[in-house]
Amino acid sequence: MLALSRKKDEAIVINNDIEVTIIEVKGDQVKLGITAPKSVPVYRKEVYLQIQEANRAAANETAQAMEALKKLGQ
């Protein structure tokens, strides 16, 4: 992991097209501004993990449905 120090209104650039700017620092909370192409999804980590879990559950249900269909075909 790369750790960088930035102050308010300073930014970092990732891969030439993503910019992360420090908007505000208040106590132990940091507000970030992220500029990225629309083709690049940007999520808070907790939301991203929920999406992954929902996708895994849906894939599992699909696999179970496929198995049930195979059994019907036998």
PDB file of N, CA and C in Angstrom:
ATOM      1  N   MET A   1       0.842  -1.176   0.000  1.00  0.00           N
ATOM      2  CA  MET A   1       0.000   0.000   0.000  1.00  0.00           C
ATOM      3  C   MET A   1       0.885   1.237   0.000  1.00  0.00           C
ATOM      4  N   LEU A   2       0.548   2.155  -0.859  1.00  0.00           N
ATOM      5  CA  LEU A   2       1.237   3.438  -0.909  1.00  0.00           C
ATOM      6  C   LEU A   2       0.523   4.394   0.033  1.00  0.00           C
ATOM      7  N   ALA A   3       1.243   5.002   0.956  1.00  0.00           N
ATOM      8  CA  ALA A   3       0.667   5.977   1.887  1.00  0.00           C
ATOM      9  C   ALA A   3       1.214   7.356   1.542  1.00  0.00           C
ATOM     10  N   LEU A   4       0.305   8.302   1.316  1.00  0.00           N
ATOM     11  CA  LEU A   4       0.689   9.660   0.944  1.00  0.00           C
ATOM     12  C   LEU A   4       0.106  10.651   1.939  1.00  0.00           C
ATOM     13  N   SER A   5       0.813  11.737   2.159  1.00  0.00           N
ATOM     14  CA  SER A   5       0.295  12.830   2.979  1.00  0.00           C
ATOM     15  C   SER A   5      -0.201  13.928   2.053  1.00  0.00           C
ATOM     16  N   ARG A   6      -1.396  14.420   2.310  1.00  0.00           N
ATOM     17  CA  ARG A   6      -1.976  15.507   1.527  1.00  0.00           C
ATOM     18  C   ARG A   6      -2.662  16.469   2.485  1.00  0.00           C
ATOM     19  N   LYS A   7      -2.691  17.728   2.113  1.00  0.00           N
ATOM     20  CA  LYS A   7      -3.395  18.747   2.883  1.00  0.00           C
ATOM     21  C   LYS A   7      -4.672  19.118   2.146  1.00  0.00           C
ATOM     22  N   LYS A   8      -5.522  19.887   2.817  1.00  0.00           N
ATOM     23  CA  LYS A   8      -6.767  20.351   2.208  1.00  0.00           C
ATOM     24  C   LYS A   8      -6.477  21.005   0.855  1.00  0.00           C
ATOM     25  N   ASP A   9      -7.302  20.684  -0.115  1.00  0.00           N
ATOM     26  CA  ASP A   9      -7.218  21.185  -1.492  1.00  0.00           C
ATOM     27  C   ASP A   9      -6.055  20.603  -2.291  1.00  0.00           C
ATOM     28  N   GLU A  10      -5.318  19.657  -1.733  1.00  0.00           N
ATOM     29  CA  GLU A  10      -4.285  18.956  -2.494  1.00  0.00           C
ATOM     30  C   GLU A  10      -4.895  17.672  -3.053  1.00  0.00           C
ATOM     31  N   ALA A  11      -4.249  17.121  -4.075  1.00  0.00           N
ATOM     32  CA  ALA A  11      -4.824  15.965  -4.763  1.00  0.00           C
ATOM     33  C   ALA A  11      -3.748  14.967  -5.147  1.00  0.00           C
ATOM     34  N   ILE A  12      -4.206  13.791  -5.524  1.00  0.00           N
ATOM     35  CA  ILE A  12      -3.351  12.788  -6.155  1.00  0.00           C
ATOM     36  C   ILE A  12      -4.029  12.383  -7.462  1.00  0.00           C
ATOM     37  N   VAL A  13      -3.241  11.929  -8.411  1.00  0.00           N
ATOM     38  CA  VAL A  13      -3.757  11.474  -9.701  1.00  0.00           C
ATOM     39  C   VAL A  13      -3.400  10.004  -9.854  1.00  0.00           C
ATOM     40  N   ILE A  14      -4.381   9.222 -10.281  1.00  0.00           N
ATOM     41  CA  ILE A  14      -4.200   7.790 -10.484  1.00  0.00           C
ATOM     42  C   ILE A  14      -4.451   7.484 -11.954  1.00  0.00           C
ATOM     43  N   ASN A  15      -3.486   6.862 -12.592  1.00  0.00           N
ATOM     44  CA  ASN A  15      -3.637   6.382 -13.969  1.00  0.00           C
ATOM     45  C   ASN A  15      -4.051   7.483 -14.951  1.00  0.00           C
ATOM     46  N   ASN A  16      -3.585   8.680 -14.762  1.00  0.00           N
ATOM     47  CA  ASN A  16      -3.807   9.817 -15.662  1.00  0.00           C
ATOM     48  C   ASN A  16      -5.242  10.320 -15.756  1.00  0.00           C
ATOM     49  N   ASP A  17      -6.235   9.569 -15.262  1.00  0.00           N
ATOM     50  CA  ASP A  17      -7.613  10.021 -15.450  1.00  0.00           C
ATOM     51  C   ASP A  17      -8.482   9.986 -14.199  1.00  0.00           C
ATOM     52  N   ILE A  18      -7.899   9.667 -13.057  1.00  0.00           N
ATOM     53  CA  ILE A  18      -8.634   9.677 -11.796  1.00  0.00           C
ATOM     54  C   ILE A  18      -7.918  10.633 -10.851  1.00  0.00           C
ATOM     55  N   GLU A  19      -8.670  11.575 -10.312  1.00  0.00           N
ATOM     56  CA  GLU A  19      -8.089  12.539  -9.378  1.00  0.00           C
ATOM     57  C   GLU A  19      -8.844  12.466  -8.053  1.00  0.00           C
ATOM     58  N   VAL A  20      -8.091  12.341  -6.971  1.00  0.00           N
ATOM     59  CA  VAL A  20      -8.658  12.313  -5.628  1.00  0.00           C
ATOM     60  C   VAL A  20      -8.170  13.564  -4.909  1.00  0.00           C
ATOM     61  N   THR A  21      -9.118  14.417  -4.493  1.00  0.00           N
ATOM     62  CA  THR A  21      -8.792  15.690  -3.859  1.00  0.00           C
ATOM     63  C   THR A  21      -9.272  15.684  -2.416  1.00  0.00           C
ATOM     64  N   ILE A  22      -8.444  16.206  -1.520  1.00  0.00           N
ATOM     65  CA  ILE A  22      -8.843  16.372  -0.124  1.00  0.00           C
ATOM     66  C   ILE A  22      -9.699  17.633  -0.052  1.00  0.00           C
ATOM     67  N   ILE A  23     -10.970  17.481   0.273  1.00  0.00           N
ATOM     68  CA  ILE A  23     -11.880  18.619   0.331  1.00  0.00           C
ATOM     69  C   ILE A  23     -11.922  19.224   1.725  1.00  0.00           C
ATOM     70  N   GLU A  24     -11.931  18.352   2.733  1.00  0.00           N
ATOM     71  CA  GLU A  24     -12.070  18.842   4.102  1.00  0.00           C
ATOM     72  C   GLU A  24     -11.489  17.824   5.072  1.00  0.00           C
ATOM     73  N   VAL A  25     -10.878  18.318   6.127  1.00  0.00           N
ATOM     74  CA  VAL A  25     -10.395  17.471   7.218  1.00  0.00           C
ATOM     75  C   VAL A  25     -11.014  18.017   8.493  1.00  0.00           C
ATOM     76  N   LYS A  26     -11.793  17.172   9.174  1.00  0.00           N
ATOM     77  CA  LYS A  26     -12.478  17.592  10.390  1.00  0.00           C
ATOM     78  C   LYS A  26     -12.327  16.477  11.418  1.00  0.00           C
ATOM     79  N   GLY A  27     -11.472  16.686  12.412  1.00  0.00           N
ATOM     80  CA  GLY A  27     -11.233  15.643  13.409  1.00  0.00           C
ATOM     81  C   GLY A  27     -10.636  14.415  12.754  1.00  0.00           C
ATOM     82  N   ASP A  28     -11.293  13.269  12.964  1.00  0.00           N
ATOM     83  CA  ASP A  28     -10.779  12.026  12.372  1.00  0.00           C
ATOM     84  C   ASP A  28     -11.479  11.688  11.053  1.00  0.00           C
ATOM     85  N   GLN A  29     -12.202  12.649  10.488  1.00  0.00           N
ATOM     86  CA  GLN A  29     -12.909  12.414   9.231  1.00  0.00           C
ATOM     87  C   GLN A  29     -12.303  13.253   8.112  1.00  0.00           C
ATOM     88  N   VAL A  30     -12.129  12.615   6.960  1.00  0.00           N
ATOM     89  CA  VAL A  30     -11.575  13.282   5.780  1.00  0.00           C
ATOM     90  C   VAL A  30     -12.615  13.198   4.667  1.00  0.00           C
ATOM     91  N   LYS A  31     -12.942  14.332   4.067  1.00  0.00           N
ATOM     92  CA  LYS A  31     -13.885  14.361   2.947  1.00  0.00           C
ATOM     93  C   LYS A  31     -13.080  14.414   1.657  1.00  0.00           C
ATOM     94  N   LEU A  32     -13.354  13.449   0.775  1.00  0.00           N
ATOM     95  CA  LEU A  32     -12.636  13.333  -0.491  1.00  0.00           C
ATOM     96  C   LEU A  32     -13.542  13.710  -1.652  1.00  0.00           C
ATOM     97  N   GLY A  33     -12.947  14.296  -2.667  1.00  0.00           N
ATOM     98  CA  GLY A  33     -13.620  14.504  -3.940  1.00  0.00           C
ATOM     99  C   GLY A  33     -12.925  13.635  -4.969  1.00  0.00           C
ATOM    100  N   ILE A  34     -13.703  12.886  -5.737  1.00  0.00           N
ATOM    101  CA  ILE A  34     -13.117  11.965  -6.711  1.00  0.00           C
ATOM    102  C   ILE A  34     -13.642  12.312  -8.095  1.00  0.00           C
ATOM    103  N   THR A  35     -12.722  12.584  -9.000  1.00  0.00           N
ATOM    104  CA  THR A  35     -13.059  12.835 -10.397  1.00  0.00           C
ATOM    105  C   THR A  35     -12.548  11.651 -11.205  1.00  0.00           C
ATOM    106  N   ALA A  36     -13.483  10.973 -11.878  1.00  0.00           N
ATOM    107  CA  ALA A  36     -13.116   9.789 -12.657  1.00  0.00           C
ATOM    108  C   ALA A  36     -14.042   9.690 -13.864  1.00  0.00           C
ATOM    109  N   PRO A  37     -13.590   9.017 -14.913  1.00  0.00           N
ATOM    110  CA  PRO A  37     -14.471   8.799 -16.063  1.00  0.00           C
ATOM    111  C   PRO A  37     -15.721   8.021 -15.634  1.00  0.00           C
ATOM    112  N   LYS A  38     -16.821   8.231 -16.336  1.00  0.00           N
ATOM    113  CA  LYS A  38     -18.064   7.523 -16.006  1.00  0.00           C
ATOM    114  C   LYS A  38     -17.903   6.014 -16.120  1.00  0.00           C
ATOM    115  N   SER A  39     -16.941   5.564 -16.901  1.00  0.00           N
ATOM    116  CA  SER A  39     -16.725   4.126 -17.081  1.00  0.00           C
ATOM    117  C   SER A  39     -16.018   3.485 -15.884  1.00  0.00           C
ATOM    118  N   VAL A  40     -15.558   4.306 -14.932  1.00  0.00           N
ATOM    119  CA  VAL A  40     -14.860   3.796 -13.750  1.00  0.00           C
ATOM    120  C   VAL A  40     -15.800   3.877 -12.550  1.00  0.00           C
ATOM    121  N   PRO A  41     -16.276   2.732 -12.053  1.00  0.00           N
ATOM    122  CA  PRO A  41     -17.149   2.783 -10.886  1.00  0.00           C
ATOM    123  C   PRO A  41     -16.362   3.194  -9.645  1.00  0.00           C
ATOM    124  N   VAL A  42     -16.971   4.033  -8.817  1.00  0.00           N
ATOM    125  CA  VAL A  42     -16.353   4.481  -7.565  1.00  0.00           C
ATOM    126  C   VAL A  42     -17.361   4.216  -6.454  1.00  0.00           C
ATOM    127  N   TYR A  43     -16.970   3.433  -5.460  1.00  0.00           N
ATOM    128  CA  TYR A  43     -17.851   3.069  -4.353  1.00  0.00           C
ATOM    129  C   TYR A  43     -17.143   3.284  -3.021  1.00  0.00           C
ATOM    130  N   ARG A  44     -17.926   3.533  -1.983  1.00  0.00           N
ATOM    131  CA  ARG A  44     -17.391   3.411  -0.622  1.00  0.00           C
ATOM    132  C   ARG A  44     -17.168   1.917  -0.402  1.00  0.00           C
ATOM    133  N   LYS A  45     -16.152   1.568   0.365  1.00  0.00           N
ATOM    134  CA  LYS A  45     -15.798   0.151   0.505  1.00  0.00           C
ATOM    135  C   LYS A  45     -16.952  -0.678   1.057  1.00  0.00           C
ATOM    136  N   GLU A  46     -17.667  -0.166   2.063  1.00  0.00           N
ATOM    137  CA  GLU A  46     -18.751  -0.952   2.652  1.00  0.00           C
ATOM    138  C   GLU A  46     -19.861  -1.217   1.633  1.00  0.00           C
ATOM    139  N   VAL A  47     -20.127  -0.281   0.736  1.00  0.00           N
ATOM    140  CA  VAL A  47     -21.118  -0.487  -0.322  1.00  0.00           C
ATOM    141  C   VAL A  47     -20.590  -1.512  -1.328  1.00  0.00           C
ATOM    142  N   TYR A  48     -19.321  -1.395  -1.686  1.00  0.00           N
ATOM    143  CA  TYR A  48     -18.697  -2.334  -2.619  1.00  0.00           C
ATOM    144  C   TYR A  48     -18.775  -3.767  -2.085  1.00  0.00           C
ATOM    145  N   LEU A  49     -18.507  -3.952  -0.799  1.00  0.00           N
ATOM    146  CA  LEU A  49     -18.568  -5.288  -0.201  1.00  0.00           C
ATOM    147  C   LEU A  49     -19.994  -5.832  -0.215  1.00  0.00           C
ATOM    148  N   GLN A  50     -20.985  -4.974   0.014  1.00  0.00           N
ATOM    149  CA  GLN A  50     -22.385  -5.407  -0.051  1.00  0.00           C
ATOM    150  C   GLN A  50     -22.753  -5.834  -1.471  1.00  0.00           C
ATOM    151  N   ILE A  51     -22.278  -5.101  -2.458  1.00  0.00           N
ATOM    152  CA  ILE A  51     -22.543  -5.455  -3.857  1.00  0.00           C
ATOM    153  C   ILE A  51     -21.922  -6.812  -4.178  1.00  0.00           C
ATOM    154  N   GLN A  52     -20.681  -7.024  -3.735  1.00  0.00           N
ATOM    155  CA  GLN A  52     -20.019  -8.310  -3.979  1.00  0.00           C
ATOM    156  C   GLN A  52     -20.798  -9.453  -3.341  1.00  0.00           C
ATOM    157  N   GLU A  53     -21.253  -9.258  -2.099  1.00  0.00           N
ATOM    158  CA  GLU A  53     -22.002 -10.306  -1.405  1.00  0.00           C
ATOM    159  C   GLU A  53     -23.317 -10.596  -2.129  1.00  0.00           C
ATOM    160  N   ALA A  54     -24.009  -9.560  -2.575  1.00  0.00           N
ATOM    161  CA  ALA A  54     -25.255  -9.755  -3.319  1.00  0.00           C
ATOM    162  C   ALA A  54     -24.987 -10.506  -4.623  1.00  0.00           C
ATOM    163  N   ASN A  55     -23.898 -10.191  -5.296  1.00  0.00           N
ATOM    164  CA  ASN A  55     -23.542 -10.893  -6.536  1.00  0.00           C
ATOM    165  C   ASN A  55     -23.231 -12.358  -6.273  1.00  0.00           C
ATOM    166  N   ARG A  56     -22.511 -12.636  -5.171  1.00  0.00           N
ATOM    167  CA  ARG A  56     -22.205 -14.036  -4.824  1.00  0.00           C
ATOM    168  C   ARG A  56     -23.491 -14.804  -4.533  1.00  0.00           C
ATOM    169  N   ALA A  57     -24.403 -14.179  -3.783  1.00  0.00           N
ATOM    170  CA  ALA A  57     -25.667 -14.839  -3.448  1.00  0.00           C
ATOM    171  C   ALA A  57     -26.478 -15.112  -4.711  1.00  0.00           C
ATOM    172  N   ALA A  58     -26.526 -14.148  -5.615  1.00  0.00           N
ATOM    173  CA  ALA A  58     -27.268 -14.331  -6.866  1.00  0.00           C
ATOM    174  C   ALA A  58     -26.644 -15.432  -7.712  1.00  0.00           C
ATOM    175  N   ALA A  59     -25.331 -15.490  -7.759  1.00  0.00           N
ATOM    176  CA  ALA A  59     -24.647 -16.535  -8.525  1.00  0.00           C
ATOM    177  C   ALA A  59     -24.938 -17.906  -7.932  1.00  0.00           C
ATOM    178  N   ASN A  60     -24.979 -17.987  -6.601  1.00  0.00           N
ATOM    179  CA  ASN A  60     -25.270 -19.246  -5.929  1.00  0.00           C
ATOM    180  C   ASN A  60     -26.698 -19.693  -6.241  1.00  0.00           C
ATOM    181  N   GLU A  61     -27.649 -18.749  -6.204  1.00  0.00           N
ATOM    182  CA  GLU A  61     -29.037 -19.084  -6.530  1.00  0.00           C
ATOM    183  C   GLU A  61     -29.155 -19.554  -7.975  1.00  0.00           C
ATOM    184  N   THR A  62     -28.427 -18.916  -8.873  1.00  0.00           N
ATOM    185  CA  THR A  62     -28.445 -19.313 -10.283  1.00  0.00           C
ATOM    186  C   THR A  62     -27.889 -20.722 -10.443  1.00  0.00           C
ATOM    187  N   ALA A  63     -26.810 -21.024  -9.743  1.00  0.00           N
ATOM    188  CA  ALA A  63     -26.216 -22.361  -9.817  1.00  0.00           C
ATOM    189  C   ALA A  63     -27.189 -23.406  -9.284  1.00  0.00           C
ATOM    190  N   GLN A  64     -27.874 -23.087  -8.193  1.00  0.00           N
ATOM    191  CA  GLN A  64     -28.853 -24.024  -7.635  1.00  0.00           C
ATOM    192  C   GLN A  64     -30.017 -24.233  -8.604  1.00  0.00           C
ATOM    193  N   ALA A  65     -30.460 -23.165  -9.246  1.00  0.00           N
ATOM    194  CA  ALA A  65     -31.551 -23.275 -10.219  1.00  0.00           C
ATOM    195  C   ALA A  65     -31.120 -24.132 -11.409  1.00  0.00           C
ATOM    196  N   MET A  66     -29.887 -23.963 -11.854  1.00  0.00           N
ATOM    197  CA  MET A  66     -29.381 -24.762 -12.978  1.00  0.00           C
ATOM    198  C   MET A  66     -29.334 -26.242 -12.603  1.00  0.00           C
ATOM    199  N   GLU A  67     -28.905 -26.545 -11.387  1.00  0.00           N
ATOM    200  CA  GLU A  67     -28.872 -27.938 -10.926  1.00  0.00           C
ATOM    201  C   GLU A  67     -30.277 -28.522 -10.896  1.00  0.00           C
ATOM    202  N   ALA A  68     -31.244 -27.738 -10.416  1.00  0.00           N
ATOM    203  CA  ALA A  68     -32.626 -28.209 -10.367  1.00  0.00           C
ATOM    204  C   ALA A  68     -33.151 -28.483 -11.776  1.00  0.00           C
ATOM    205  N   LEU A  69     -32.823 -27.612 -12.722  1.00  0.00           N
ATOM    206  CA  LEU A  69     -33.253 -27.824 -14.107  1.00  0.00           C
ATOM    207  C   LEU A  69     -32.614 -29.075 -14.705  1.00  0.00           C
ATOM    208  N   LYS A  70     -31.349 -29.313 -14.384  1.00  0.00           N
ATOM    209  CA  LYS A  70     -30.671 -30.518 -14.886  1.00  0.00           C
ATOM    210  C   LYS A  70     -31.361 -31.774 -14.362  1.00  0.00           C
ATOM    211  N   LYS A  71     -31.755 -31.752 -13.079  1.00  0.00           N
ATOM    212  CA  LYS A  71     -32.424 -32.912 -12.483  1.00  0.00           C
ATOM    213  C   LYS A  71     -33.779 -33.153 -13.139  1.00  0.00           C
ATOM    214  N   LEU A  72     -34.474 -32.078 -13.500  1.00  0.00           N
ATOM    215  CA  LEU A  72     -35.764 -32.227 -14.178  1.00  0.00           C
ATOM    216  C   LEU A  72     -35.597 -32.851 -15.553  1.00  0.00           C
ATOM    217  N   GLY A  73     -34.488 -32.563 -16.196  1.00  0.00           N
ATOM    218  CA  GLY A  73     -34.226 -33.076 -17.538  1.00  0.00           C
ATOM    219  C   GLY A  73     -33.807 -34.532 -17.562  1.00  0.00           C
ATOM    220  N   GLN A  74     -33.508 -35.113 -16.431  1.00  0.00           N
ATOM    221  CA  GLN A  74     -33.028 -36.503 -16.392  1.00  0.00           C
ATOM    222  C   GLN A  74     -34.163 -37.479 -16.408  1.00  0.00           C
TER     223      GLN A  74
END
